[in-house]
Amino acid sequence: MKMIIAVIQPEKLDDVKDALFNAEICKMTVSRVRGCGTQMGFTEHYRGQVRSVNLLEKIRIEIAVNDKFVNETVQAIVKGAKSGSIGDGKIFVMPMDECIRIRTDETGDDAIG
């Protein structure tokens, strides 16, 4: 079992969801987050003041998958999120020790579905 965490541009969320749904991956958790990476933010003028914005809006997607779905999940995220520009995001694939479905007490691969 693996936990896949993707941090992407907000405007790419619909494209990533479509790519995941086309790959028959439909279970995910989506959160709005802020962060910075290579982009390093930007400066703007607001009411005569120069303001530095270095924590940019991003979308974090978390998907728990069985081992056989890791590659197709990662490829679907890349397909939907890639624009070729700095700031497209990152994907992290981490081992997951356990998963428990609360409703049925199922564990492991059965709990992920």
C-alpha atoms as a PDB file:
ATOM      1  CA  MET A   1       0.000   0.000   0.000  1.00  0.00           C
ATOM      2  CA  LYS A   2       1.176   3.505  -0.806  1.00  0.00           C
ATOM      3  CA  MET A   3       0.103   7.036   0.019  1.00  0.00           C
ATOM      4  CA  ILE A   4       0.438   9.352  -2.962  1.00  0.00           C
ATOM      5  CA  ILE A   5       0.505  13.065  -2.203  1.00  0.00           C
ATOM      6  CA  ALA A   6       0.468  15.550  -5.064  1.00  0.00           C
ATOM      7  CA  VAL A   7       0.837  19.311  -4.743  1.00  0.00           C
ATOM      8  CA  ILE A   8      -0.428  21.021  -7.906  1.00  0.00           C
ATOM      9  CA  GLN A   9      -1.558  24.364  -9.308  1.00  0.00           C
ATOM     10  CA  PRO A  10      -5.186  25.182  -8.388  1.00  0.00           C
ATOM     11  CA  GLU A  11      -6.213  25.699 -12.017  1.00  0.00           C
ATOM     12  CA  LYS A  12      -5.073  22.142 -12.848  1.00  0.00           C
ATOM     13  CA  LEU A  13      -7.367  20.410 -10.333  1.00  0.00           C
ATOM     14  CA  ASP A  14     -10.145  19.664 -12.846  1.00  0.00           C
ATOM     15  CA  ASP A  15      -7.640  18.290 -15.371  1.00  0.00           C
ATOM     16  CA  VAL A  16      -6.041  16.054 -12.733  1.00  0.00           C
ATOM     17  CA  LYS A  17      -9.437  14.806 -11.512  1.00  0.00           C
ATOM     18  CA  ASP A  18     -10.477  14.017 -15.092  1.00  0.00           C
ATOM     19  CA  ALA A  19      -7.226  12.121 -15.722  1.00  0.00           C
ATOM     20  CA  LEU A  20      -7.655  10.167 -12.474  1.00  0.00           C
ATOM     21  CA  PHE A  21     -11.301   9.352 -13.240  1.00  0.00           C
ATOM     22  CA  ASN A  22     -10.291   8.179 -16.739  1.00  0.00           C
ATOM     23  CA  ALA A  23      -7.780   5.857 -15.052  1.00  0.00           C
ATOM     24  CA  GLU A  24     -10.653   4.625 -12.812  1.00  0.00           C
ATOM     25  CA  ILE A  25      -9.131   6.175  -9.691  1.00  0.00           C
ATOM     26  CA  CYS A  26     -11.874   8.050  -7.904  1.00  0.00           C
ATOM     27  CA  LYS A  27     -11.005   8.022  -4.188  1.00  0.00           C
ATOM     28  CA  MET A  28      -9.042  11.067  -3.076  1.00  0.00           C
ATOM     29  CA  THR A  29      -8.822  13.833  -0.501  1.00  0.00           C
ATOM     30  CA  VAL A  30      -8.306  17.381  -1.773  1.00  0.00           C
ATOM     31  CA  SER A  31      -7.146  20.343   0.328  1.00  0.00           C
ATOM     32  CA  ARG A  32      -6.248  23.971  -0.348  1.00  0.00           C
ATOM     33  CA  VAL A  33      -2.742  24.676   0.925  1.00  0.00           C
ATOM     34  CA  ARG A  34      -0.077  27.376   0.685  1.00  0.00           C
ATOM     35  CA  GLY A  35       3.571  26.821   0.002  1.00  0.00           C
ATOM     36  CA  CYS A  36       6.643  27.878  -1.899  1.00  0.00           C
ATOM     37  CA  GLY A  37       9.224  26.118  -3.969  1.00  0.00           C
ATOM     38  CA  THR A  38      11.302  27.065  -6.976  1.00  0.00           C
ATOM     39  CA  GLN A  39       8.834  29.799  -7.908  1.00  0.00           C
ATOM     40  CA  MET A  40       9.820  31.793  -4.806  1.00  0.00           C
ATOM     41  CA  GLY A  41       6.607  33.844  -4.946  1.00  0.00           C
ATOM     42  CA  PHE A  42       6.170  37.329  -6.383  1.00  0.00           C
ATOM     43  CA  THR A  43       5.853  40.975  -5.382  1.00  0.00           C
ATOM     44  CA  GLU A  44       2.798  43.146  -5.898  1.00  0.00           C
ATOM     45  CA  HIS A  45       1.722  46.694  -5.214  1.00  0.00           C
ATOM     46  CA  TYR A  46      -1.254  47.076  -2.893  1.00  0.00           C
ATOM     47  CA  ARG A  47      -2.481  50.530  -1.852  1.00  0.00           C
ATOM     48  CA  GLY A  48       0.895  52.072  -2.567  1.00  0.00           C
ATOM     49  CA  GLN A  49       2.841  49.433  -0.645  1.00  0.00           C
ATOM     50  CA  VAL A  50       5.126  46.804  -2.143  1.00  0.00           C
ATOM     51  CA  ARG A  51       4.078  43.433  -0.797  1.00  0.00           C
ATOM     52  CA  SER A  52       6.035  40.189  -1.139  1.00  0.00           C
ATOM     53  CA  VAL A  53       3.938  37.060  -1.544  1.00  0.00           C
ATOM     54  CA  ASN A  54       6.050  33.945  -1.122  1.00  0.00           C
ATOM     55  CA  LEU A  55       3.433  31.442   0.025  1.00  0.00           C
ATOM     56  CA  LEU A  56       1.398  30.629  -3.068  1.00  0.00           C
ATOM     57  CA  GLU A  57      -1.988  28.908  -3.272  1.00  0.00           C
ATOM     58  CA  LYS A  58      -1.694  25.225  -4.175  1.00  0.00           C
ATOM     59  CA  ILE A  59      -3.895  22.131  -4.136  1.00  0.00           C
ATOM     60  CA  ARG A  60      -2.866  19.016  -2.201  1.00  0.00           C
ATOM     61  CA  ILE A  61      -4.309  15.700  -3.327  1.00  0.00           C
ATOM     62  CA  GLU A  62      -3.914  12.592  -1.171  1.00  0.00           C
ATOM     63  CA  ILE A  63      -4.666   9.156  -2.582  1.00  0.00           C
ATOM     64  CA  ALA A  64      -4.179   5.816  -0.834  1.00  0.00           C
ATOM     65  CA  VAL A  65      -3.676   3.025  -3.373  1.00  0.00           C
ATOM     66  CA  ASN A  66      -2.777  -0.629  -3.493  1.00  0.00           C
ATOM     67  CA  ASP A  67       0.690  -1.273  -4.921  1.00  0.00           C
ATOM     68  CA  LYS A  68      -0.598  -2.296  -8.365  1.00  0.00           C
ATOM     69  CA  PHE A  69      -2.223   1.146  -8.903  1.00  0.00           C
ATOM     70  CA  VAL A  70       0.783   3.335  -8.019  1.00  0.00           C
ATOM     71  CA  ASN A  71       2.176   3.840 -11.545  1.00  0.00           C
ATOM     72  CA  GLU A  72      -1.144   4.572 -13.215  1.00  0.00           C
ATOM     73  CA  THR A  73      -2.094   6.988 -10.432  1.00  0.00           C
ATOM     74  CA  VAL A  74       1.190   8.879 -10.750  1.00  0.00           C
ATOM     75  CA  GLN A  75       0.921   8.964 -14.558  1.00  0.00           C
ATOM     76  CA  ALA A  76      -2.647  10.295 -14.393  1.00  0.00           C
ATOM     77  CA  ILE A  77      -1.580  13.096 -12.036  1.00  0.00           C
ATOM     78  CA  VAL A  78       1.357  14.017 -14.279  1.00  0.00           C
ATOM     79  CA  LYS A  79      -0.887  13.982 -17.357  1.00  0.00           C
ATOM     80  CA  GLY A  80      -3.401  16.333 -15.758  1.00  0.00           C
ATOM     81  CA  ALA A  81      -1.005  18.671 -13.937  1.00  0.00           C
ATOM     82  CA  LYS A  82       1.867  19.112 -16.392  1.00  0.00           C
ATOM     83  CA  SER A  83       2.144  22.437 -18.198  1.00  0.00           C
ATOM     84  CA  GLY A  84       5.925  22.488 -18.562  1.00  0.00           C
ATOM     85  CA  SER A  85       6.276  25.601 -16.405  1.00  0.00           C
ATOM     86  CA  ILE A  86       7.990  26.131 -13.078  1.00  0.00           C
ATOM     87  CA  GLY A  87       5.490  25.487 -10.310  1.00  0.00           C
ATOM     88  CA  ASP A  88       3.654  22.533 -11.867  1.00  0.00           C
ATOM     89  CA  GLY A  89       4.049  20.749  -8.536  1.00  0.00           C
ATOM     90  CA  LYS A  90       5.420  17.616  -6.934  1.00  0.00           C
ATOM     91  CA  ILE A  91       4.274  14.043  -6.326  1.00  0.00           C
ATOM     92  CA  PHE A  92       5.379  12.112  -3.262  1.00  0.00           C
ATOM     93  CA  VAL A  93       4.939   8.326  -3.018  1.00  0.00           C
ATOM     94  CA  MET A  94       5.275   6.980   0.506  1.00  0.00           C
ATOM     95  CA  PRO A  95       4.819   3.558   2.063  1.00  0.00           C
ATOM     96  CA  MET A  96       1.693   3.168   4.148  1.00  0.00           C
ATOM     97  CA  ASP A  97       1.814   0.733   7.056  1.00  0.00           C
ATOM     98  CA  GLU A  98      -1.889   0.255   7.606  1.00  0.00           C
ATOM     99  CA  CYS A  99      -5.327   1.298   6.430  1.00  0.00           C
ATOM    100  CA  ILE A 100      -8.537   0.627   8.354  1.00  0.00           C
ATOM    101  CA  ARG A 101     -12.046   1.146   7.030  1.00  0.00           C
ATOM    102  CA  ILE A 102     -13.988   2.377  10.040  1.00  0.00           C
ATOM    103  CA  ARG A 103     -17.422   1.231   8.852  1.00  0.00           C
ATOM    104  CA  THR A 104     -16.476  -2.443   8.336  1.00  0.00           C
ATOM    105  CA  ASP A 105     -13.221  -2.865  10.320  1.00  0.00           C
ATOM    106  CA  GLU A 106     -11.526  -4.078   7.121  1.00  0.00           C
ATOM    107  CA  THR A 107      -7.754  -3.579   7.077  1.00  0.00           C
ATOM    108  CA  GLY A 108      -4.964  -3.422   4.518  1.00  0.00           C
ATOM    109  CA  ASP A 109      -5.659  -3.704   0.802  1.00  0.00           C
ATOM    110  CA  ASP A 110      -9.314  -4.556   1.432  1.00  0.00           C
ATOM    111  CA  ALA A 111      -9.863  -1.288   3.282  1.00  0.00           C
ATOM    112  CA  ILE A 112      -8.489   0.810   0.421  1.00  0.00           C
ATOM    113  CA  GLY A 113     -10.789  -0.812  -2.108  1.00  0.00           C
END
